[in-house]
Every structure is written in structure tokens, then in C-alpha cells.
């Protein structure tokens, strides 16, 4: 069954009774919505696009954290000896550094403790000087690091022997100390060039 459109005369009569008995919710008349408050109003579109704002100047990495300063790596005994003052004939020193001069005697301190090595070194150097020898080889070994809870500097003898050779009484007879050529032990050995005997 199809419904008729619109209200019947009876419906209109009932509606007019209800409308007469109803009281308005607002005491003052409602004001019309402003255009900006009206949700049904269409947004105003501008034909000119907005002006592009320039990007602020920036430098690559400007927000990166500042790296901590690096501590310089301590120089090895061989590097310190290479920078020492030359106190012997330059031509002889060059031949010695290239491993072309054969040491006349050698002392192997490898594996000794510091307490046992120092008197052994003093006796060897003094006896070689009194025998008139000029170039001798002292082998210390490169040493290995102690990787315990408190690591120590690797190669204690390698660091200590140059100090002993440059300290009295050995400094009186030692003219030059330098790291040995790789064929004679490299950084694990030292050439000791002695002064001429009196």
C-alpha cells in the first residue's frame, strides 16, 4: 500500500494544536550565522598561491654533537730515537739504519726481568767499549701487552733500555742509539754505537 504525500487534514489539525501549546526555547530571537561561522558556506579560494618563504641558511653537520678531543697517541721508543739529535757520522748512521753495517757483538735480553737485565746490559756495554768495539746490537723483544684488569705498557724492556743507555754511567761510552733494521730485529732491538776508547 502506497503512502500519500503530505499531511491529511486531521494531521494538520493535531499539529496546529501542538504548535500553539509549545513554548519557544530561546527568549530572544536568534541571530543569523556569520559567514565565517556558517559550516555550509564554501571556503574562499585565492587565485594567487602563497609566497614561498626562503629556507634559513644552514651548514652541513651544524646539529651534530661536538666530538670529544682525541688524545695524541704516545710515540714509540723507535720514533723518539729517530727524532733525537744525530751525534755520529751521517753516512755511517745511514748505512747502520739501512742494516748494511754488521754488529760486532750482540746481547739478548729477551725474556729477562728489568732487575736482571740492567746489570747484564751495563756489563756488556762496558766490556764492548773496553774491547774497542763500535757497533753492538741489544735485543729486547717487542713485548706483549698484559690484558688483565689493569693493563700495563707492552715491552717494558723495549722502553727501558734506551733510558738506561742514555743515563750515567753508560751515557759516557754510548754515542748513538737507534732502532735496528728489520733484518736485525726491527723495533725489538737497538743499534748501540759506542764512542772510541781513550
N, C-alpha and C. Protein backbone atom coordinates (compact mmCIF):
# COMPACT_ATOMS: atom_id res chain seq x y z
N UNK A 1 0.83 -1.17 0.00
CA UNK A 1 0.00 0.00 0.00
C UNK A 1 0.88 1.24 0.00
N UNK A 2 0.59 2.13 -0.94
CA UNK A 2 1.42 3.33 -1.10
C UNK A 2 0.95 4.41 -0.15
N UNK A 3 1.96 5.11 0.43
CA UNK A 3 1.65 6.23 1.31
C UNK A 3 1.38 7.48 0.52
N UNK A 4 0.44 8.27 1.01
CA UNK A 4 0.19 9.53 0.33
C UNK A 4 1.17 10.57 0.78
N UNK A 5 1.49 11.47 -0.14
CA UNK A 5 2.43 12.53 0.21
C UNK A 5 1.66 13.64 0.90
N UNK A 6 2.38 14.28 1.88
CA UNK A 6 1.77 15.39 2.58
C UNK A 6 0.94 14.93 3.77
N UNK A 7 0.39 15.93 4.51
CA UNK A 7 -0.39 15.64 5.71
C UNK A 7 -1.89 15.62 5.38
N UNK A 8 -2.59 14.80 6.12
CA UNK A 8 -4.05 14.76 5.98
C UNK A 8 -4.63 15.93 6.77
N UNK A 9 -5.86 16.28 6.52
CA UNK A 9 -6.49 17.37 7.30
C UNK A 9 -6.48 17.09 8.79
N UNK A 10 -6.64 15.84 9.20
CA UNK A 10 -6.58 15.51 10.63
C UNK A 10 -5.20 15.77 11.20
N UNK A 11 -4.15 15.39 10.43
CA UNK A 11 -2.77 15.60 10.90
C UNK A 11 -2.49 17.08 11.06
N UNK A 12 -3.00 17.87 10.12
CA UNK A 12 -2.75 19.31 10.19
C UNK A 12 -3.40 19.91 11.43
N UNK A 13 -4.59 19.42 11.79
CA UNK A 13 -5.30 19.93 12.96
C UNK A 13 -4.57 19.59 14.24
N UNK A 14 -4.05 18.36 14.33
CA UNK A 14 -3.29 17.94 15.52
C UNK A 14 -2.00 18.76 15.62
N UNK A 15 -1.33 18.97 14.53
CA UNK A 15 -0.08 19.73 14.52
C UNK A 15 -0.30 21.18 14.95
N UNK A 16 -1.38 21.79 14.52
CA UNK A 16 -1.65 23.18 14.91
C UNK A 16 -1.92 23.28 16.41
N UNK A 17 -2.59 22.25 17.02
CA UNK A 17 -2.80 22.24 18.47
C UNK A 17 -1.47 22.16 19.22
N UNK A 18 -0.57 21.29 18.73
CA UNK A 18 0.75 21.12 19.36
C UNK A 18 1.56 22.39 19.22
N UNK A 19 1.53 23.02 18.07
CA UNK A 19 2.32 24.23 17.82
C UNK A 19 1.84 25.38 18.70
N UNK A 20 0.54 25.46 18.94
CA UNK A 20 0.02 26.55 19.79
C UNK A 20 0.43 26.37 21.23
N UNK A 21 0.52 25.11 21.71
CA UNK A 21 0.85 24.86 23.11
C UNK A 21 2.35 24.86 23.39
N UNK A 22 3.18 24.85 22.36
CA UNK A 22 4.65 24.80 22.55
C UNK A 22 5.17 26.16 22.95
N UNK A 23 6.20 26.19 23.85
CA UNK A 23 6.86 27.45 24.25
C UNK A 23 8.25 27.48 23.61
N UNK A 24 8.68 28.65 23.14
CA UNK A 24 9.99 28.71 22.48
C UNK A 24 11.14 28.48 23.48
N UNK A 25 12.24 27.86 23.04
CA UNK A 25 13.41 27.59 23.90
C UNK A 25 14.19 28.87 24.16
N UNK A 26 14.32 29.75 23.19
CA UNK A 26 15.07 30.99 23.33
C UNK A 26 14.11 32.13 23.51
N UNK A 27 14.39 32.97 24.50
CA UNK A 27 13.52 34.10 24.78
C UNK A 27 13.74 35.23 23.79
N UNK A 28 15.05 35.37 23.30
CA UNK A 28 15.33 36.43 22.33
C UNK A 28 15.47 35.80 20.95
N UNK A 29 15.21 36.57 19.93
CA UNK A 29 15.28 35.98 18.58
C UNK A 29 16.71 35.58 18.24
N UNK A 30 16.86 34.51 17.51
CA UNK A 30 18.18 34.02 17.09
C UNK A 30 18.74 34.91 16.01
N UNK A 31 20.07 35.18 16.12
CA UNK A 31 20.72 35.98 15.08
C UNK A 31 21.22 35.03 14.00
N UNK A 32 21.27 35.49 12.78
CA UNK A 32 21.77 34.61 11.71
C UNK A 32 23.28 34.36 11.87
N UNK A 33 23.73 33.20 11.38
CA UNK A 33 25.16 32.85 11.47
C UNK A 33 25.99 33.79 10.61
N UNK A 34 27.20 34.15 11.16
CA UNK A 34 28.15 34.94 10.37
C UNK A 34 28.70 34.05 9.27
N UNK A 35 29.16 34.65 8.17
CA UNK A 35 29.66 33.80 7.06
C UNK A 35 30.80 32.89 7.47
N UNK A 36 31.69 33.37 8.39
CA UNK A 36 32.83 32.51 8.76
C UNK A 36 32.40 31.38 9.69
N UNK A 37 31.23 31.56 10.42
CA UNK A 37 30.75 30.51 11.32
C UNK A 37 29.85 29.50 10.60
N UNK A 38 29.40 29.85 9.43
CA UNK A 38 28.46 29.01 8.73
C UNK A 38 29.19 27.80 8.14
N UNK A 39 28.92 26.59 8.65
CA UNK A 39 29.63 25.42 8.13
C UNK A 39 29.27 25.11 6.69
N UNK A 40 28.10 25.56 6.27
CA UNK A 40 27.70 25.26 4.90
C UNK A 40 28.31 26.22 3.89
N UNK A 41 28.87 27.32 4.41
CA UNK A 41 29.47 28.30 3.48
C UNK A 41 30.71 27.69 2.84
N UNK A 42 30.93 27.94 1.58
CA UNK A 42 32.08 27.40 0.86
C UNK A 42 33.33 28.22 1.21
N UNK A 43 34.47 27.59 1.37
CA UNK A 43 35.69 28.35 1.69
C UNK A 43 36.09 29.23 0.53
N UNK A 44 36.61 30.39 0.90
CA UNK A 44 37.08 31.34 -0.11
C UNK A 44 38.42 30.85 -0.65
N UNK A 45 38.54 30.66 -1.92
CA UNK A 45 39.80 30.22 -2.51
C UNK A 45 40.46 31.39 -3.20
N UNK A 46 41.76 31.52 -2.92
CA UNK A 46 42.53 32.61 -3.53
C UNK A 46 43.16 32.10 -4.81
N UNK A 47 43.12 32.93 -5.83
CA UNK A 47 43.72 32.52 -7.11
C UNK A 47 45.24 32.63 -7.10
N UNK A 48 45.79 33.52 -6.25
CA UNK A 48 47.26 33.67 -6.20
C UNK A 48 47.81 32.73 -5.14
N UNK A 49 48.81 31.88 -5.49
CA UNK A 49 49.39 30.96 -4.49
C UNK A 49 50.17 31.73 -3.43
N UNK A 50 50.28 31.18 -2.21
CA UNK A 50 51.04 31.88 -1.17
C UNK A 50 52.51 32.00 -1.55
N UNK A 51 53.14 33.07 -1.08
CA UNK A 51 54.54 33.33 -1.40
C UNK A 51 55.42 32.34 -0.65
N UNK A 52 56.38 31.73 -1.36
CA UNK A 52 57.28 30.75 -0.73
C UNK A 52 58.26 31.48 0.19
N UNK A 53 58.36 30.97 1.43
CA UNK A 53 59.29 31.57 2.39
C UNK A 53 60.70 31.00 2.15
N UNK A 54 61.74 31.83 2.18
CA UNK A 54 63.11 31.31 1.97
C UNK A 54 63.54 30.43 3.14
N UNK A 55 64.30 29.37 2.82
CA UNK A 55 64.81 28.46 3.86
C UNK A 55 65.91 29.16 4.65
N UNK A 56 65.99 28.90 5.96
CA UNK A 56 67.09 29.51 6.73
C UNK A 56 68.43 28.92 6.29
N UNK A 57 69.48 29.74 6.37
CA UNK A 57 70.82 29.27 5.98
C UNK A 57 71.28 28.20 6.96
N UNK A 58 71.91 27.17 6.43
CA UNK A 58 72.39 26.10 7.30
C UNK A 58 73.74 25.61 6.81
N UNK A 59 74.46 24.95 7.70
CA UNK A 59 75.78 24.39 7.41
C UNK A 59 75.70 22.90 7.65
N UNK A 60 76.31 22.12 6.78
CA UNK A 60 76.28 20.67 6.89
C UNK A 60 76.89 20.24 8.22
N UNK A 61 76.15 19.48 9.00
CA UNK A 61 76.65 18.97 10.28
C UNK A 61 76.51 19.94 11.43
N UNK A 62 75.73 21.04 11.26
CA UNK A 62 75.66 22.04 12.32
C UNK A 62 74.95 21.52 13.58
N UNK A 63 74.10 20.52 13.40
CA UNK A 63 73.39 19.97 14.56
C UNK A 63 74.09 18.76 15.16
N UNK A 64 75.17 18.33 14.53
CA UNK A 64 75.88 17.14 15.03
C UNK A 64 76.59 17.49 16.33
N UNK A 65 76.66 16.52 17.28
CA UNK A 65 77.35 16.81 18.54
C UNK A 65 78.85 17.01 18.31
N UNK A 66 79.45 17.85 19.12
CA UNK A 66 80.89 18.11 19.00
C UNK A 66 81.66 16.87 19.45
N UNK A 67 82.56 16.35 18.60
CA UNK A 67 83.31 15.15 19.01
C UNK A 67 84.27 15.47 20.16
N UNK A 68 84.48 14.48 20.99
CA UNK A 68 85.41 14.64 22.11
C UNK A 68 86.83 14.78 21.57
N UNK A 69 87.67 15.59 22.19
CA UNK A 69 89.05 15.75 21.69
C UNK A 69 89.82 14.44 21.82
N UNK A 70 90.59 14.16 20.78
CA UNK A 70 91.37 12.91 20.79
C UNK A 70 92.72 13.16 21.44
N UNK A 71 93.09 12.23 22.27
CA UNK A 71 94.40 12.31 22.91
C UNK A 71 95.45 11.82 21.90
N UNK A 72 96.58 12.52 21.80
CA UNK A 72 97.60 12.07 20.87
C UNK A 72 98.17 10.71 21.27
N UNK A 73 98.43 9.90 20.27
CA UNK A 73 98.98 8.57 20.52
C UNK A 73 100.42 8.71 21.00
N UNK A 74 100.78 8.04 22.10
CA UNK A 74 102.16 8.16 22.57
C UNK A 74 103.13 7.58 21.56
N UNK A 75 104.26 8.25 21.40
CA UNK A 75 105.25 7.80 20.43
C UNK A 75 105.98 6.57 20.95
N UNK A 76 106.41 5.73 20.04
CA UNK A 76 107.15 4.52 20.41
C UNK A 76 108.61 4.90 20.67
N UNK A 77 109.37 4.02 21.35
CA UNK A 77 110.79 4.31 21.57
C UNK A 77 111.54 4.52 20.26
N UNK A 78 111.20 3.76 19.22
CA UNK A 78 111.87 3.90 17.93
C UNK A 78 111.61 5.28 17.33
N UNK A 79 110.37 5.79 17.47
CA UNK A 79 110.04 7.12 16.94
C UNK A 79 110.78 8.21 17.71
N UNK A 80 110.89 8.05 19.03
CA UNK A 80 111.62 9.05 19.82
C UNK A 80 113.10 9.05 19.46
N UNK A 81 113.68 7.87 19.25
CA UNK A 81 115.10 7.79 18.91
C UNK A 81 115.36 8.35 17.51
N UNK A 82 114.39 8.16 16.59
CA UNK A 82 114.56 8.68 15.23
C UNK A 82 114.57 10.21 15.23
N UNK A 83 113.89 10.82 16.19
CA UNK A 83 113.87 12.28 16.27
C UNK A 83 114.97 12.87 17.11
N UNK A 84 115.82 12.02 17.68
CA UNK A 84 116.92 12.51 18.53
C UNK A 84 118.02 13.14 17.68
N UNK A 85 118.83 13.95 18.33
CA UNK A 85 119.94 14.63 17.66
C UNK A 85 120.97 13.61 17.18
N UNK A 86 121.49 13.82 15.97
CA UNK A 86 122.50 12.92 15.39
C UNK A 86 123.86 13.29 15.96
N UNK A 87 124.52 12.32 16.62
CA UNK A 87 125.82 12.58 17.25
C UNK A 87 126.93 11.71 16.67
N UNK A 88 126.66 11.15 15.49
CA UNK A 88 127.68 10.33 14.82
C UNK A 88 127.72 10.73 13.35
N UNK A 89 128.64 10.18 12.62
CA UNK A 89 128.79 10.49 11.20
C UNK A 89 127.50 10.12 10.46
N UNK A 90 126.99 11.09 9.65
CA UNK A 90 125.69 10.90 8.97
C UNK A 90 125.74 9.73 7.99
N UNK A 91 126.85 9.58 7.27
CA UNK A 91 126.96 8.49 6.29
C UNK A 91 126.96 7.13 7.00
N UNK A 92 127.70 7.04 8.09
CA UNK A 92 127.73 5.78 8.85
C UNK A 92 126.35 5.50 9.46
N UNK A 93 125.67 6.55 9.93
CA UNK A 93 124.35 6.37 10.51
C UNK A 93 123.34 5.88 9.48
N UNK A 94 123.43 6.41 8.25
CA UNK A 94 122.53 5.98 7.19
C UNK A 94 122.75 4.51 6.87
N UNK A 95 124.02 4.10 6.76
CA UNK A 95 124.32 2.68 6.49
C UNK A 95 123.83 1.80 7.63
N UNK A 96 124.02 2.26 8.86
CA UNK A 96 123.58 1.50 10.03
C UNK A 96 122.06 1.35 10.03
N UNK A 97 121.32 2.44 9.74
CA UNK A 97 119.85 2.40 9.74
C UNK A 97 119.31 1.50 8.64
N UNK A 98 120.06 1.38 7.53
CA UNK A 98 119.63 0.53 6.42
C UNK A 98 120.03 -0.94 6.62
N UNK A 99 120.67 -1.24 7.74
CA UNK A 99 121.07 -2.61 8.04
C UNK A 99 122.28 -3.08 7.26
N UNK A 100 123.08 -2.13 6.72
CA UNK A 100 124.24 -2.50 5.91
C UNK A 100 125.50 -2.71 6.75
N UNK A 101 125.48 -2.25 8.00
CA UNK A 101 126.61 -2.48 8.89
C UNK A 101 126.31 -3.68 9.78
N UNK A 102 127.31 -4.54 9.92
CA UNK A 102 127.10 -5.74 10.73
C UNK A 102 127.52 -5.47 12.17
N UNK A 103 126.62 -5.70 13.16
CA UNK A 103 127.01 -5.50 14.56
C UNK A 103 128.18 -6.42 14.93
N UNK A 104 129.10 -5.87 15.74
CA UNK A 104 130.29 -6.63 16.14
C UNK A 104 130.02 -7.54 17.33
N UNK A 105 128.97 -7.28 18.07
CA UNK A 105 128.58 -8.13 19.21
C UNK A 105 127.09 -7.94 19.45
N UNK A 106 126.48 -8.90 20.14
CA UNK A 106 125.05 -8.78 20.42
C UNK A 106 124.74 -9.30 21.81
N UNK A 107 123.71 -8.70 22.41
CA UNK A 107 123.24 -9.12 23.73
C UNK A 107 121.74 -9.34 23.62
N UNK A 108 121.27 -10.51 24.06
CA UNK A 108 119.85 -10.83 24.01
C UNK A 108 119.26 -10.75 25.41
N UNK A 109 118.45 -9.72 25.64
CA UNK A 109 117.79 -9.54 26.94
C UNK A 109 116.35 -10.05 26.93
N UNK A 110 115.95 -10.61 25.82
CA UNK A 110 114.57 -11.05 25.64
C UNK A 110 114.18 -12.06 26.72
N UNK A 111 113.07 -11.79 27.41
CA UNK A 111 112.57 -12.70 28.45
C UNK A 111 113.10 -12.40 29.83
N UNK A 112 114.05 -11.48 29.98
CA UNK A 112 114.59 -11.14 31.31
C UNK A 112 113.69 -10.13 32.00
N UNK A 113 113.80 -10.09 33.32
CA UNK A 113 113.11 -9.06 34.09
C UNK A 113 113.95 -7.79 34.06
N UNK A 114 113.37 -6.67 34.43
CA UNK A 114 114.10 -5.41 34.46
C UNK A 114 115.26 -5.48 35.44
N UNK A 115 115.05 -6.13 36.59
CA UNK A 115 116.11 -6.22 37.61
C UNK A 115 117.29 -7.03 37.12
N UNK A 116 117.04 -8.08 36.34
CA UNK A 116 118.14 -8.91 35.83
C UNK A 116 118.78 -8.30 34.59
N UNK A 117 118.01 -7.54 33.80
CA UNK A 117 118.52 -7.03 32.53
C UNK A 117 119.48 -5.85 32.71
N UNK A 118 119.24 -4.97 33.70
CA UNK A 118 120.08 -3.78 33.82
C UNK A 118 121.55 -4.09 34.10
N UNK A 119 121.89 -4.92 35.09
CA UNK A 119 123.32 -5.23 35.28
C UNK A 119 123.94 -5.96 34.10
N UNK A 120 123.14 -6.81 33.44
CA UNK A 120 123.64 -7.53 32.26
C UNK A 120 123.99 -6.55 31.14
N UNK A 121 123.13 -5.55 30.92
CA UNK A 121 123.36 -4.55 29.89
C UNK A 121 124.59 -3.71 30.22
N UNK A 122 124.74 -3.29 31.48
CA UNK A 122 125.89 -2.47 31.87
C UNK A 122 127.21 -3.21 31.66
N UNK A 123 127.23 -4.48 32.04
CA UNK A 123 128.46 -5.27 31.89
C UNK A 123 128.80 -5.45 30.40
N UNK A 124 127.78 -5.73 29.59
CA UNK A 124 128.00 -5.94 28.15
C UNK A 124 128.54 -4.68 27.47
N UNK A 125 127.90 -3.52 27.73
CA UNK A 125 128.32 -2.28 27.07
C UNK A 125 129.73 -1.88 27.50
N UNK A 126 130.02 -1.96 28.78
CA UNK A 126 131.35 -1.56 29.28
C UNK A 126 132.44 -2.48 28.73
N UNK A 127 132.15 -3.78 28.66
CA UNK A 127 133.17 -4.71 28.16
C UNK A 127 133.39 -4.51 26.65
N UNK A 128 132.32 -4.22 25.90
CA UNK A 128 132.47 -3.96 24.46
C UNK A 128 133.26 -2.68 24.22
N UNK A 129 133.03 -1.65 25.03
CA UNK A 129 133.75 -0.40 24.87
C UNK A 129 135.24 -0.59 25.19
N UNK A 130 135.51 -1.33 26.25
CA UNK A 130 136.92 -1.56 26.61
C UNK A 130 137.62 -2.43 25.57
N UNK A 131 136.86 -3.25 24.82
CA UNK A 131 137.45 -4.09 23.77
C UNK A 131 137.60 -3.32 22.46
N UNK A 132 137.13 -2.06 22.41
CA UNK A 132 137.29 -1.24 21.21
C UNK A 132 136.21 -1.46 20.15
N UNK A 133 135.12 -2.09 20.51
CA UNK A 133 134.03 -2.30 19.54
C UNK A 133 133.25 -0.99 19.37
N UNK A 134 132.68 -0.82 18.17
CA UNK A 134 131.91 0.41 17.91
C UNK A 134 130.41 0.16 17.79
N UNK A 135 130.00 -0.86 17.03
CA UNK A 135 128.58 -1.10 16.81
C UNK A 135 128.17 -2.43 17.44
N UNK A 136 127.23 -2.37 18.39
CA UNK A 136 126.73 -3.58 19.04
C UNK A 136 125.21 -3.59 18.94
N UNK A 137 124.63 -4.75 19.10
CA UNK A 137 123.18 -4.93 18.98
C UNK A 137 122.64 -5.42 20.32
N UNK A 138 121.61 -4.73 20.83
CA UNK A 138 120.94 -5.15 22.06
C UNK A 138 119.50 -5.54 21.70
N UNK A 139 119.17 -6.81 21.94
CA UNK A 139 117.85 -7.35 21.60
C UNK A 139 116.98 -7.34 22.86
N UNK A 140 115.82 -6.68 22.75
CA UNK A 140 114.89 -6.60 23.89
C UNK A 140 113.61 -7.39 23.63
N UNK A 141 113.26 -7.60 22.37
CA UNK A 141 111.95 -8.18 22.04
C UNK A 141 110.90 -7.08 22.03
N UNK A 142 109.84 -7.28 21.26
CA UNK A 142 108.79 -6.26 21.16
C UNK A 142 107.88 -6.24 22.36
N UNK A 143 107.85 -7.35 23.11
CA UNK A 143 106.98 -7.41 24.29
C UNK A 143 105.54 -7.61 23.90
N UNK A 144 104.74 -8.02 24.87
CA UNK A 144 103.30 -8.20 24.63
C UNK A 144 102.55 -7.53 25.76
N UNK A 145 101.31 -7.11 25.45
CA UNK A 145 100.50 -6.41 26.45
C UNK A 145 99.92 -7.37 27.46
N UNK A 146 99.75 -6.87 28.69
CA UNK A 146 99.07 -7.63 29.73
C UNK A 146 97.60 -7.18 29.72
N UNK A 147 96.70 -8.08 29.34
CA UNK A 147 95.30 -7.72 29.17
C UNK A 147 94.48 -8.06 30.41
N UNK A 148 95.06 -7.86 31.58
CA UNK A 148 94.35 -8.08 32.83
C UNK A 148 93.46 -6.90 33.16
N UNK A 149 92.96 -6.85 34.42
CA UNK A 149 92.09 -5.73 34.80
C UNK A 149 92.81 -4.38 34.77
N UNK A 150 94.12 -4.40 35.00
CA UNK A 150 94.94 -3.18 34.93
C UNK A 150 96.05 -3.43 33.90
N UNK A 151 95.80 -3.14 32.63
CA UNK A 151 96.80 -3.43 31.60
C UNK A 151 98.06 -2.58 31.79
N UNK A 152 99.19 -3.18 31.53
CA UNK A 152 100.47 -2.49 31.63
C UNK A 152 101.00 -2.22 30.23
N UNK A 153 101.98 -1.33 30.14
CA UNK A 153 102.56 -0.99 28.86
C UNK A 153 103.31 -2.19 28.29
N UNK A 154 103.06 -2.57 27.03
CA UNK A 154 103.76 -3.73 26.47
C UNK A 154 105.23 -3.42 26.22
N UNK A 155 106.08 -4.43 26.43
CA UNK A 155 107.51 -4.29 26.15
C UNK A 155 108.23 -3.38 27.12
N UNK A 156 108.25 -3.77 28.40
CA UNK A 156 108.90 -2.94 29.42
C UNK A 156 110.38 -2.76 29.10
N UNK A 157 111.06 -3.82 28.66
CA UNK A 157 112.49 -3.71 28.32
C UNK A 157 112.70 -2.81 27.12
N UNK A 158 111.81 -2.90 26.14
CA UNK A 158 111.94 -2.08 24.93
C UNK A 158 111.87 -0.60 25.27
N UNK A 159 111.10 -0.23 26.29
CA UNK A 159 111.00 1.16 26.70
C UNK A 159 112.13 1.57 27.66
N UNK A 160 112.62 0.63 28.45
CA UNK A 160 113.59 0.96 29.49
C UNK A 160 115.03 1.00 29.00
N UNK A 161 115.39 0.13 28.06
CA UNK A 161 116.79 0.05 27.60
C UNK A 161 117.33 1.37 27.05
N UNK A 162 116.57 2.11 26.18
CA UNK A 162 117.10 3.41 25.73
C UNK A 162 117.35 4.38 26.88
N UNK A 163 116.51 4.33 27.91
CA UNK A 163 116.70 5.20 29.08
C UNK A 163 117.99 4.84 29.80
N UNK A 164 118.25 3.55 29.99
CA UNK A 164 119.49 3.13 30.65
C UNK A 164 120.72 3.53 29.84
N UNK A 165 120.61 3.39 28.51
CA UNK A 165 121.77 3.71 27.66
C UNK A 165 122.08 5.20 27.64
N UNK A 166 121.09 6.05 27.88
CA UNK A 166 121.30 7.49 27.89
C UNK A 166 121.54 8.04 29.30
N UNK A 167 121.59 7.16 30.30
CA UNK A 167 121.83 7.58 31.69
C UNK A 167 123.23 7.16 32.12
N UNK A 168 123.86 7.92 33.05
CA UNK A 168 125.19 7.52 33.56
C UNK A 168 125.08 6.16 34.24
N UNK A 169 126.10 5.33 34.20
CA UNK A 169 127.42 5.57 33.59
C UNK A 169 127.51 5.21 32.11
N UNK A 170 126.43 4.58 31.53
CA UNK A 170 126.52 4.14 30.15
C UNK A 170 126.55 5.31 29.16
N UNK A 171 125.96 6.44 29.52
CA UNK A 171 125.95 7.59 28.61
C UNK A 171 127.36 8.11 28.33
N UNK A 172 128.33 7.75 29.20
CA UNK A 172 129.72 8.19 28.99
C UNK A 172 130.37 7.48 27.81
N UNK A 173 129.89 6.26 27.48
CA UNK A 173 130.52 5.49 26.41
C UNK A 173 129.60 5.30 25.20
N UNK A 174 128.32 5.61 25.33
CA UNK A 174 127.36 5.44 24.22
C UNK A 174 127.28 6.74 23.43
N UNK A 175 127.48 6.64 22.11
CA UNK A 175 127.39 7.83 21.25
C UNK A 175 126.01 7.98 20.61
N UNK A 176 125.42 6.89 20.14
CA UNK A 176 124.12 6.96 19.46
C UNK A 176 123.35 5.66 19.68
N UNK A 177 122.05 5.79 19.84
CA UNK A 177 121.15 4.63 19.95
C UNK A 177 120.05 4.82 18.92
N UNK A 178 119.76 3.77 18.15
CA UNK A 178 118.65 3.84 17.20
C UNK A 178 118.03 2.46 17.05
N UNK A 179 116.80 2.46 16.56
CA UNK A 179 116.10 1.18 16.35
C UNK A 179 116.80 0.39 15.26
N UNK A 180 116.86 -0.92 15.43
CA UNK A 180 117.55 -1.79 14.48
C UNK A 180 116.74 -1.95 13.20
N UNK A 181 117.44 -2.27 12.12
CA UNK A 181 116.80 -2.61 10.85
C UNK A 181 116.04 -3.92 11.04
N UNK A 182 115.01 -4.14 10.19
CA UNK A 182 114.18 -5.34 10.38
C UNK A 182 114.98 -6.63 10.28
N UNK A 183 116.09 -6.64 9.52
CA UNK A 183 116.88 -7.87 9.42
C UNK A 183 117.65 -8.17 10.70
N UNK A 184 117.77 -7.17 11.57
CA UNK A 184 118.44 -7.37 12.86
C UNK A 184 117.47 -7.31 14.04
N UNK A 185 116.17 -7.37 13.78
CA UNK A 185 115.20 -7.41 14.88
C UNK A 185 114.17 -6.30 14.88
N UNK A 186 114.34 -5.28 14.02
CA UNK A 186 113.37 -4.20 13.94
C UNK A 186 113.22 -3.45 15.25
N UNK A 187 111.97 -3.15 15.62
CA UNK A 187 111.72 -2.38 16.84
C UNK A 187 111.95 -3.20 18.11
N UNK A 188 112.24 -4.47 17.96
CA UNK A 188 112.55 -5.30 19.13
C UNK A 188 114.03 -5.36 19.43
N UNK A 189 114.83 -4.49 18.79
CA UNK A 189 116.28 -4.47 19.03
C UNK A 189 116.80 -3.05 18.78
N UNK A 190 117.99 -2.76 19.32
CA UNK A 190 118.60 -1.43 19.18
C UNK A 190 120.05 -1.56 18.73
N UNK A 191 120.41 -0.65 17.80
CA UNK A 191 121.83 -0.47 17.48
C UNK A 191 122.41 0.47 18.53
N UNK A 192 123.53 0.09 19.10
CA UNK A 192 124.20 0.98 20.05
C UNK A 192 125.59 1.25 19.47
N UNK A 193 125.81 2.51 19.11
CA UNK A 193 127.07 2.93 18.52
C UNK A 193 127.90 3.55 19.65
N UNK A 194 129.07 2.94 19.93
CA UNK A 194 129.89 3.32 21.08
C UNK A 194 130.94 4.36 20.68
N UNK A 195 131.36 5.16 21.66
CA UNK A 195 132.43 6.12 21.44
C UNK A 195 133.75 5.39 21.32
N UNK A 196 134.70 6.06 20.73
CA UNK A 196 136.04 5.48 20.62
C UNK A 196 136.66 5.39 22.01
N UNK A 197 137.38 4.30 22.24
CA UNK A 197 138.07 4.15 23.52
C UNK A 197 139.20 5.15 23.66
N UNK A 198 139.45 5.59 24.88
CA UNK A 198 140.50 6.60 25.13
C UNK A 198 141.87 5.94 25.09
